[in-house]
Amino acid sequence: MTDYRIRRLGHLGDGIAEGPVYVPGALPGEVVTGIPDGDHLKDVRIVTPSSDRVAPPCRHFKSCGGCQMQHLSDSALADWKIDIVRTALQAQGLQTDFLPIHTSPPNSRRRATFAARRTKKGAMAGFYGKRSDAIVEIPDCRLLHPRLMAALPVAEKLAETGASRKTALRVAATLSEPGLDIAVTEGKPLDGPLRMALAELCQAFDLARLSWDGETIATRLPPEQRIDGISVVPPAGAFLQATKQGEETLRTDVLGIVDGASSIIDLFAGCGTFSLPAARKAAVHAVEGDPAMTVALDAGWRRAKGLRKVTTETRDLFRQPLQAEELSGFDAAIIDPPRAGAEAQIAQLAQSGLPVIAHVSCNPVTFARDAALLVRHGYDLTHLRVVDQFRWSVHVELVAKFRKNAS
């Protein structure tokens, strides 16, 4: 069989040999053999292992698709994620100082979406397998918070109760202060008997809230989240930072970047991850496209004590970005867009002349594109930090500071 030497890792975590040939599970510097299958190798055997190869800490790693990189040492994985960001910046002709990476600890994920399917004997729940639509059960998962693991039997019972025979449920589970907050999609249409069965299930499992395809079935206790000690009740299925440790790191860096500002615009504000803590020192205008999240943010501010004025606005920032003249009255901006980035909104920020911008991103490529536009308009990218909330995955997040230069 032909030997292949792995030259680098691709963005999906596969080793890449000359060709290119993509080799799942291989690491840079390794020599491997396998059976060619198009531009991939299958039945891969490691001939010469990398010194960075480690034994995966989770027994489910070989089959489960939840993690991709447990076979790479923690230090090498951190270096690879930093290099992904550095390479994306270099492609745009940019460079900056990197603060130390933050990596969330094992068993710290507070939200996850499980697949749950009916079976002949009952039901099963877990993550999809690697490159597969088969569900892998994960009773010893090293990724999820122990309290979140309690959502697996809930997901199984939900599948028994309300899944069709052909389609798996998507069960989004989030840890809230009083218990599990569960949002289900892809289930059977709601009718009277199903509503009753789901309400009973919510009671039996002591859930904080259960929703089904966007409709709240029952709220036993408000599924409160604490954002830097400030209480917020997000809408069902709302975006939330993946770990508390990651959220704290992002928040600390963002607040440090905008420190000293008396008025702040928060773009793609969500439920107030940054808006509400920032309001301890500054007036904040929070803009978010999802009206339910805007309502949750406003309610959180009204319940809190000791915060300065927070105003909210529901606005689609992709189709209707705030214009430069609307932004120019603020001292600082916070922006945390989805993976697609915020090209239209960044263009207006670039023209606004705001003194400082804190930019949070979950996509190094779109971040680098947007960063280049800011730099062309006279901003300095002073530093950034890679934040790894999705441990052992290929996912990369970051927080960066832009400062308007004096020239």
Protein backbone atom coordinates (compact mmCIF):
# COMPACT_ATOMS: atom_id res chain seq x y z
CA MET A 1 0.00 0.00 0.00
CA THR A 2 1.11 3.57 -0.69
CA ASP A 3 2.48 5.62 2.18
CA TYR A 4 1.14 9.16 2.65
CA ARG A 5 2.88 11.85 4.69
CA ILE A 6 0.49 14.28 6.36
CA ARG A 7 1.50 17.87 5.74
CA ARG A 8 -1.13 19.84 7.64
CA LEU A 9 -4.59 19.81 9.20
CA GLY A 10 -7.60 20.99 7.22
CA HIS A 11 -10.29 23.24 8.69
CA LEU A 12 -12.46 20.18 9.42
CA GLY A 13 -9.64 18.49 11.33
CA ASP A 14 -8.66 15.95 8.65
CA GLY A 15 -4.99 15.39 7.91
CA ILE A 16 -4.03 16.52 4.40
CA ALA A 17 -1.37 14.79 2.29
CA GLU A 18 -0.02 15.76 -1.11
CA GLY A 19 -2.72 15.67 -3.77
CA PRO A 20 -4.60 16.82 -1.77
CA VAL A 21 -5.63 13.60 -0.07
CA TYR A 22 -7.80 13.96 3.06
CA VAL A 23 -7.11 11.50 5.85
CA PRO A 24 -9.58 11.42 8.77
CA GLY A 25 -7.88 11.20 12.15
CA ALA A 26 -4.34 11.80 10.87
CA LEU A 27 -2.00 14.48 12.24
CA PRO A 28 0.76 16.58 10.65
CA GLY A 29 4.07 14.74 10.27
CA GLU A 30 2.49 11.30 10.41
CA VAL A 31 3.01 8.62 7.78
CA VAL A 32 -0.16 6.67 7.06
CA THR A 33 -1.52 4.06 4.68
CA GLY A 34 -5.08 3.41 3.57
CA ILE A 35 -7.38 2.68 0.68
CA PRO A 36 -7.97 5.60 -1.71
CA ASP A 37 -11.62 6.59 -2.05
CA GLY A 38 -11.74 9.63 -4.31
CA ASP A 39 -9.74 12.33 -2.56
CA HIS A 40 -10.04 10.58 0.83
CA LEU A 41 -8.38 7.59 2.45
CA LYS A 42 -10.41 4.95 4.24
CA ASP A 43 -9.28 2.08 6.47
CA VAL A 44 -6.44 4.34 7.61
CA ARG A 45 -3.48 2.88 9.49
CA ILE A 46 -0.94 5.10 11.26
CA VAL A 47 2.58 3.92 10.31
CA THR A 48 4.55 6.68 12.05
CA PRO A 49 2.56 8.52 14.75
CA SER A 50 3.04 12.17 15.64
CA SER A 51 4.54 13.11 18.98
CA ASP A 52 1.39 15.22 19.45
CA ARG A 53 -0.91 12.18 19.20
CA VAL A 54 -2.59 11.23 22.49
CA ALA A 55 -5.08 8.62 23.63
CA PRO A 56 -8.58 10.16 23.35
CA PRO A 57 -9.95 10.78 26.85
CA CYS A 58 -13.49 9.71 25.91
CA ARG A 59 -14.41 6.13 25.05
CA HIS A 60 -17.04 7.37 22.58
CA PHE A 61 -14.55 9.35 20.46
CA LYS A 62 -14.01 6.75 17.75
CA SER A 63 -17.69 6.66 16.74
CA CYS A 64 -19.23 9.89 18.07
CA GLY A 65 -19.29 13.00 15.89
CA GLY A 66 -19.50 15.40 18.82
CA CYS A 67 -15.71 15.83 19.03
CA GLN A 68 -13.18 15.76 16.22
CA MET A 69 -9.80 16.42 17.86
CA GLN A 70 -9.40 14.35 21.03
CA HIS A 71 -6.45 12.51 19.46
CA LEU A 72 -4.40 15.75 19.42
CA SER A 73 -2.67 16.98 22.59
CA ASP A 74 -4.21 19.98 24.30
CA SER A 75 -1.18 22.19 23.64
CA ALA A 76 -1.00 21.25 19.96
CA LEU A 77 -4.75 21.78 19.57
CA ALA A 78 -4.48 25.23 21.14
CA ASP A 79 -1.59 26.11 18.81
CA TRP A 80 -3.59 24.88 15.80
CA LYS A 81 -6.61 27.01 16.70
CA ILE A 82 -4.44 30.08 17.18
CA ASP A 83 -2.79 29.36 13.82
CA ILE A 84 -6.21 29.15 12.12
CA VAL A 85 -6.88 32.73 13.19
CA ARG A 86 -3.37 33.91 12.35
CA THR A 87 -3.61 32.35 8.86
CA ALA A 88 -7.01 33.96 8.24
CA LEU A 89 -5.56 37.36 9.18
CA GLN A 90 -2.47 36.86 7.02
CA ALA A 91 -4.70 36.11 4.03
CA GLN A 92 -6.04 39.66 4.47
CA GLY A 93 -2.59 41.16 5.03
CA LEU A 94 -3.18 41.61 8.77
CA GLN A 95 -1.30 40.77 11.93
CA THR A 96 -1.77 41.54 15.60
CA ASP A 97 -0.77 40.54 19.12
CA PHE A 98 -2.38 37.38 20.50
CA LEU A 99 -3.34 37.17 24.16
CA PRO A 100 -3.15 33.68 25.75
CA ILE A 101 -5.85 31.31 24.53
CA HIS A 102 -8.70 30.41 26.87
CA THR A 103 -9.87 26.78 26.71
CA SER A 104 -12.96 25.72 28.63
CA PRO A 105 -12.42 22.67 30.86
CA PRO A 106 -13.86 19.21 30.21
CA ASN A 107 -17.47 18.56 31.24
CA SER A 108 -18.36 22.26 31.07
CA ARG A 109 -20.73 22.56 28.09
CA ARG A 110 -24.05 23.91 29.34
CA ARG A 111 -26.03 23.52 26.12
CA ALA A 112 -26.19 20.87 23.41
CA THR A 113 -28.56 19.61 20.73
CA PHE A 114 -29.19 15.87 20.83
CA ALA A 115 -30.70 13.61 18.23
CA ALA A 116 -33.36 11.26 19.58
CA ARG A 117 -35.07 8.46 17.67
CA ARG A 118 -37.70 5.84 18.37
CA THR A 119 -36.54 2.26 18.21
CA LYS A 120 -38.31 -1.11 18.33
CA LYS A 121 -37.46 -1.40 22.03
CA GLY A 122 -38.06 2.22 23.00
CA ALA A 123 -35.78 5.11 22.02
CA MET A 124 -32.17 6.26 21.90
CA ALA A 125 -30.54 9.69 22.18
CA GLY A 126 -27.06 11.08 21.67
CA PHE A 127 -24.98 12.74 18.97
CA TYR A 128 -24.75 11.75 15.33
CA GLY A 129 -21.77 9.58 14.46
CA LYS A 130 -18.77 10.72 12.46
CA ARG A 131 -19.90 11.31 8.85
CA SER A 132 -23.07 9.41 9.65
CA ASP A 133 -26.75 9.87 10.43
CA ALA A 134 -26.59 7.02 12.94
CA ILE A 135 -27.13 8.13 16.53
CA VAL A 136 -24.33 7.30 18.98
CA GLU A 137 -25.28 7.04 22.64
CA ILE A 138 -22.88 8.92 24.93
CA PRO A 139 -23.35 7.87 28.58
CA ASP A 140 -19.75 8.77 29.48
CA CYS A 141 -19.40 12.02 27.49
CA ARG A 142 -16.39 14.11 28.58
CA LEU A 143 -17.71 17.27 26.95
CA LEU A 144 -21.04 17.99 28.64
CA HIS A 145 -21.68 19.33 32.12
CA PRO A 146 -22.85 16.51 34.44
CA ARG A 147 -26.20 18.25 34.96
CA LEU A 148 -26.70 18.49 31.21
CA MET A 149 -26.22 14.73 30.88
CA ALA A 150 -29.57 14.39 32.63
CA ALA A 151 -31.17 15.60 29.39
CA LEU A 152 -30.38 12.32 27.63
CA PRO A 153 -33.10 10.20 29.30
CA VAL A 154 -35.46 13.16 28.80
CA ALA A 155 -34.66 13.14 25.07
CA GLU A 156 -35.31 9.40 24.89
CA LYS A 157 -38.70 9.77 26.54
CA LEU A 158 -39.56 12.69 24.26
CA ALA A 159 -38.78 10.49 21.25
CA GLU A 160 -40.98 7.70 22.57
CA THR A 161 -43.77 10.21 23.12
CA GLY A 162 -43.63 12.44 20.07
CA ALA A 163 -41.20 11.36 17.36
CA SER A 164 -42.32 9.96 14.06
CA ARG A 165 -40.88 6.64 12.94
CA LYS A 166 -38.97 8.23 10.08
CA THR A 167 -37.48 11.39 11.60
CA ALA A 168 -35.24 11.95 14.62
CA LEU A 169 -36.10 14.68 17.09
CA ARG A 170 -33.74 17.62 17.61
CA VAL A 171 -33.65 18.18 21.36
CA ALA A 172 -31.91 21.41 22.36
CA ALA A 173 -31.06 21.20 26.05
CA THR A 174 -29.77 24.12 28.11
CA LEU A 175 -28.83 24.33 31.78
CA SER A 176 -30.75 27.08 33.55
CA GLU A 177 -30.62 28.05 37.21
CA PRO A 178 -33.72 26.00 38.22
CA GLY A 179 -33.18 23.06 35.87
CA LEU A 180 -33.20 21.87 32.28
CA ASP A 181 -34.67 24.08 29.57
CA ILE A 182 -35.70 21.84 26.65
CA ALA A 183 -36.71 22.96 23.13
CA VAL A 184 -37.76 20.25 20.66
CA THR A 185 -38.06 20.46 16.88
CA GLU A 186 -38.87 17.91 14.14
CA GLY A 187 -41.56 16.28 16.27
CA LYS A 188 -45.11 15.17 15.49
CA PRO A 189 -47.71 17.92 15.09
CA LEU A 190 -49.18 18.95 18.41
CA ASP A 191 -52.66 17.76 19.32
CA GLY A 192 -54.53 17.47 22.61
CA PRO A 193 -53.21 14.07 23.72
CA LEU A 194 -49.61 14.96 22.79
CA ARG A 195 -49.80 18.25 24.69
CA MET A 196 -51.06 16.40 27.75
CA ALA A 197 -48.36 13.73 27.51
CA LEU A 198 -45.63 16.34 27.14
CA ALA A 199 -46.90 18.35 30.10
CA GLU A 200 -46.82 15.19 32.22
CA LEU A 201 -43.29 14.48 31.02
CA CYS A 202 -42.21 18.01 31.99
CA GLN A 203 -43.53 17.39 35.49
CA ALA A 204 -42.02 13.90 35.77
CA PHE A 205 -38.52 15.06 34.83
CA ASP A 206 -38.72 18.28 36.86
CA LEU A 207 -37.95 20.42 33.79
CA ALA A 208 -37.86 24.18 34.07
CA ARG A 209 -39.46 24.61 30.63
CA LEU A 210 -40.43 22.47 27.65
CA SER A 211 -41.24 23.81 24.20
CA TRP A 212 -42.28 21.91 21.07
CA ASP A 213 -41.67 23.33 17.59
CA GLY A 214 -41.74 26.87 18.94
CA GLU A 215 -44.75 26.47 21.26
CA THR A 216 -44.23 26.46 25.01
CA ILE A 217 -45.84 23.36 26.51
CA ALA A 218 -45.09 24.13 30.15
CA THR A 219 -42.96 26.46 32.26
CA ARG A 220 -42.67 25.05 35.76
CA LEU A 221 -40.03 27.58 36.79
CA PRO A 222 -38.67 30.49 34.74
CA PRO A 223 -35.47 29.12 33.09
CA GLU A 224 -33.29 31.89 34.44
CA GLN A 225 -29.74 32.54 33.28
CA ARG A 226 -27.29 34.59 35.32
CA ILE A 227 -25.25 36.96 33.18
CA ASP A 228 -22.51 38.27 35.46
CA GLY A 229 -25.02 37.95 38.30
CA ILE A 230 -27.86 39.63 36.36
CA SER A 231 -31.00 37.53 35.90
CA VAL A 232 -32.36 36.99 32.36
CA VAL A 233 -34.96 34.53 31.10
CA PRO A 234 -34.15 33.83 27.43
CA PRO A 235 -36.77 32.64 24.96
CA ALA A 236 -36.85 28.90 24.27
CA GLY A 237 -33.93 27.74 22.16
CA ALA A 238 -32.18 31.12 22.31
CA PHE A 239 -28.46 31.46 21.66
CA LEU A 240 -26.29 31.23 24.76
CA GLN A 241 -22.51 31.05 25.08
CA ALA A 242 -21.53 27.37 25.26
CA THR A 243 -19.76 27.45 28.63
CA LYS A 244 -19.84 29.76 31.61
CA GLN A 245 -16.05 29.90 31.59
CA GLY A 246 -15.98 30.95 27.94
CA GLU A 247 -18.69 33.54 28.49
CA GLU A 248 -16.75 35.00 31.43
CA THR A 249 -13.57 35.29 29.36
CA LEU A 250 -15.37 36.98 26.46
CA ARG A 251 -17.22 39.32 28.82
CA THR A 252 -14.08 40.30 30.74
CA ASP A 253 -12.21 41.11 27.53
CA VAL A 254 -15.14 42.99 25.99
CA LEU A 255 -15.68 45.09 29.12
CA GLY A 256 -11.96 45.82 29.25
CA ILE A 257 -11.99 47.01 25.65
CA VAL A 258 -14.92 49.43 26.13
CA ASP A 259 -13.88 50.55 29.62
CA GLY A 260 -14.12 54.31 29.97
CA ALA A 261 -16.94 54.71 27.44
CA SER A 262 -20.05 56.47 28.76
CA SER A 263 -22.33 55.36 25.90
CA ILE A 264 -22.09 52.00 24.09
CA ILE A 265 -23.87 50.48 21.10
CA ASP A 266 -24.18 46.67 21.31
CA LEU A 267 -24.88 45.09 17.89
CA PHE A 268 -26.31 41.54 17.67
CA ALA A 269 -26.92 41.92 21.40
CA GLY A 270 -28.82 38.67 21.98
CA CYS A 271 -30.27 38.53 25.49
CA GLY A 272 -27.68 40.91 26.92
CA THR A 273 -24.49 38.87 27.39
CA PHE A 274 -22.48 42.09 27.06
CA SER A 275 -25.14 44.82 27.21
CA LEU A 276 -26.23 44.18 30.77
CA PRO A 277 -22.78 43.93 32.41
CA ALA A 278 -21.63 46.96 30.39
CA ALA A 279 -24.56 48.93 31.83
CA ARG A 280 -22.91 48.92 35.23
CA LYS A 281 -20.66 51.72 33.94
CA ALA A 282 -22.26 53.06 30.75
CA ALA A 283 -25.55 53.72 29.01
CA VAL A 284 -26.14 51.01 26.40
CA HIS A 285 -28.27 50.78 23.27
CA ALA A 286 -28.76 47.08 22.45
CA VAL A 287 -29.77 46.07 18.91
CA GLU A 288 -30.92 42.52 18.09
CA GLY A 289 -32.85 40.96 15.21
CA ASP A 290 -34.91 38.51 17.29
CA PRO A 291 -37.77 40.35 19.02
CA ALA A 292 -38.15 37.68 21.71
CA MET A 293 -34.51 38.11 22.72
CA THR A 294 -34.92 41.88 22.77
CA VAL A 295 -37.89 41.50 25.11
CA ALA A 296 -35.87 39.19 27.39
CA LEU A 297 -32.97 41.65 27.50
CA ASP A 298 -35.26 44.56 28.36
CA ALA A 299 -37.01 42.56 31.08
CA GLY A 300 -33.65 41.58 32.57
CA TRP A 301 -32.57 45.22 32.70
CA ARG A 302 -35.85 46.31 34.32
CA ARG A 303 -35.51 43.67 37.06
CA ALA A 304 -31.87 44.43 37.77
CA LYS A 305 -30.65 47.02 40.24
CA GLY A 306 -27.81 49.49 39.88
CA LEU A 307 -27.60 49.48 36.09
CA ARG A 308 -27.52 52.55 33.90
CA LYS A 309 -30.00 53.09 31.09
CA VAL A 310 -30.34 50.24 28.57
CA THR A 311 -32.48 50.86 25.52
CA THR A 312 -33.36 48.12 23.06
CA GLU A 313 -34.15 47.98 19.36
CA THR A 314 -35.33 45.06 17.24
CA ARG A 315 -33.64 45.39 13.85
CA ASP A 316 -32.32 43.11 11.12
CA LEU A 317 -28.70 44.27 10.96
CA PHE A 318 -28.05 42.33 7.75
CA ARG A 319 -30.81 44.07 5.79
CA GLN A 320 -30.92 47.31 7.75
CA PRO A 321 -27.55 48.01 9.39
CA LEU A 322 -27.22 51.06 11.60
CA GLN A 323 -25.81 53.86 9.50
CA ALA A 324 -22.59 55.70 10.30
CA GLU A 325 -24.46 58.80 11.44
CA GLU A 326 -26.57 56.71 13.83
CA LEU A 327 -23.42 55.22 15.32
CA SER A 328 -21.32 58.36 15.59
CA GLY A 329 -22.92 59.54 18.83
CA PHE A 330 -21.58 56.57 20.83
CA ASP A 331 -18.20 56.21 22.54
CA ALA A 332 -17.72 52.51 21.77
CA ALA A 333 -19.30 49.58 19.96
CA ILE A 334 -19.64 45.89 20.77
CA ILE A 335 -20.42 43.54 17.88
CA ASP A 336 -20.97 39.76 18.05
CA PRO A 337 -22.38 38.60 14.70
CA PRO A 338 -23.26 35.08 13.53
CA ARG A 339 -20.83 32.97 11.48
CA ALA A 340 -21.56 34.91 8.30
CA GLY A 341 -19.98 37.97 9.86
CA ALA A 342 -21.49 41.44 9.49
CA GLU A 343 -20.06 42.93 6.31
CA ALA A 344 -22.79 45.54 5.81
CA GLN A 345 -22.77 46.63 9.46
CA ILE A 346 -18.97 46.67 9.63
CA ALA A 347 -18.93 48.98 6.59
CA GLN A 348 -21.00 51.50 8.54
CA LEU A 349 -18.90 51.08 11.69
CA ALA A 350 -15.79 51.70 9.59
CA GLN A 351 -17.21 55.05 8.46
CA SER A 352 -18.54 56.05 11.88
CA GLY A 353 -15.22 57.02 13.43
CA LEU A 354 -16.12 55.40 16.76
CA PRO A 355 -13.03 55.44 18.99
CA VAL A 356 -13.09 51.75 19.94
CA ILE A 357 -14.79 48.53 18.82
CA ALA A 358 -14.94 45.20 20.67
CA HIS A 359 -15.48 42.46 18.07
CA VAL A 360 -16.50 38.93 19.06
CA SER A 361 -16.52 36.30 16.31
CA CYS A 362 -17.10 32.58 15.82
CA ASN A 363 -15.63 32.49 12.30
CA PRO A 364 -11.99 33.53 11.74
CA VAL A 365 -12.46 33.88 7.97
CA THR A 366 -15.37 36.32 8.08
CA PHE A 367 -13.74 38.09 11.04
CA ALA A 368 -10.55 38.63 9.02
CA ARG A 369 -12.59 39.95 6.08
CA ASP A 370 -14.44 42.41 8.32
CA ALA A 371 -11.25 43.33 10.20
CA ALA A 372 -9.52 44.24 6.92
CA LEU A 373 -12.33 46.68 6.12
CA LEU A 374 -11.95 48.37 9.49
CA VAL A 375 -8.19 48.62 9.08
CA ARG A 376 -8.58 50.18 5.61
CA HIS A 377 -10.71 52.86 7.27
CA GLY A 378 -8.10 53.80 9.85
CA TYR A 379 -8.59 51.32 12.68
CA ASP A 380 -5.77 49.43 14.38
CA LEU A 381 -6.35 45.79 15.35
CA THR A 382 -4.50 46.08 18.65
CA HIS A 383 -4.90 42.51 19.98
CA LEU A 384 -7.15 39.48 20.10
CA ARG A 385 -7.73 36.37 22.15
CA VAL A 386 -8.78 32.96 20.86
CA VAL A 387 -11.53 31.49 23.06
CA ASP A 388 -12.08 27.74 22.81
CA GLN A 389 -15.49 26.98 24.28
CA PHE A 390 -15.95 23.99 21.97
CA ARG A 391 -13.17 21.85 23.38
CA TRP A 392 -11.88 19.03 21.12
CA SER A 393 -13.77 20.43 18.14
CA VAL A 394 -12.66 22.38 15.05
CA HIS A 395 -14.74 25.39 16.14
CA VAL A 396 -12.82 28.61 16.89
CA GLU A 397 -14.01 31.80 18.59
CA LEU A 398 -12.21 35.04 19.36
CA VAL A 399 -12.54 38.52 20.83
CA ALA A 400 -10.59 41.47 19.40
CA LYS A 401 -10.01 45.17 19.99
CA PHE A 402 -10.06 47.81 17.26
CA ARG A 403 -8.98 51.36 18.02
CA LYS A 404 -9.35 54.33 15.69
CA ASN A 405 -5.88 55.65 14.98
CA ALA A 406 -5.06 59.33 15.31
CA SER A 407 -3.89 59.87 11.73
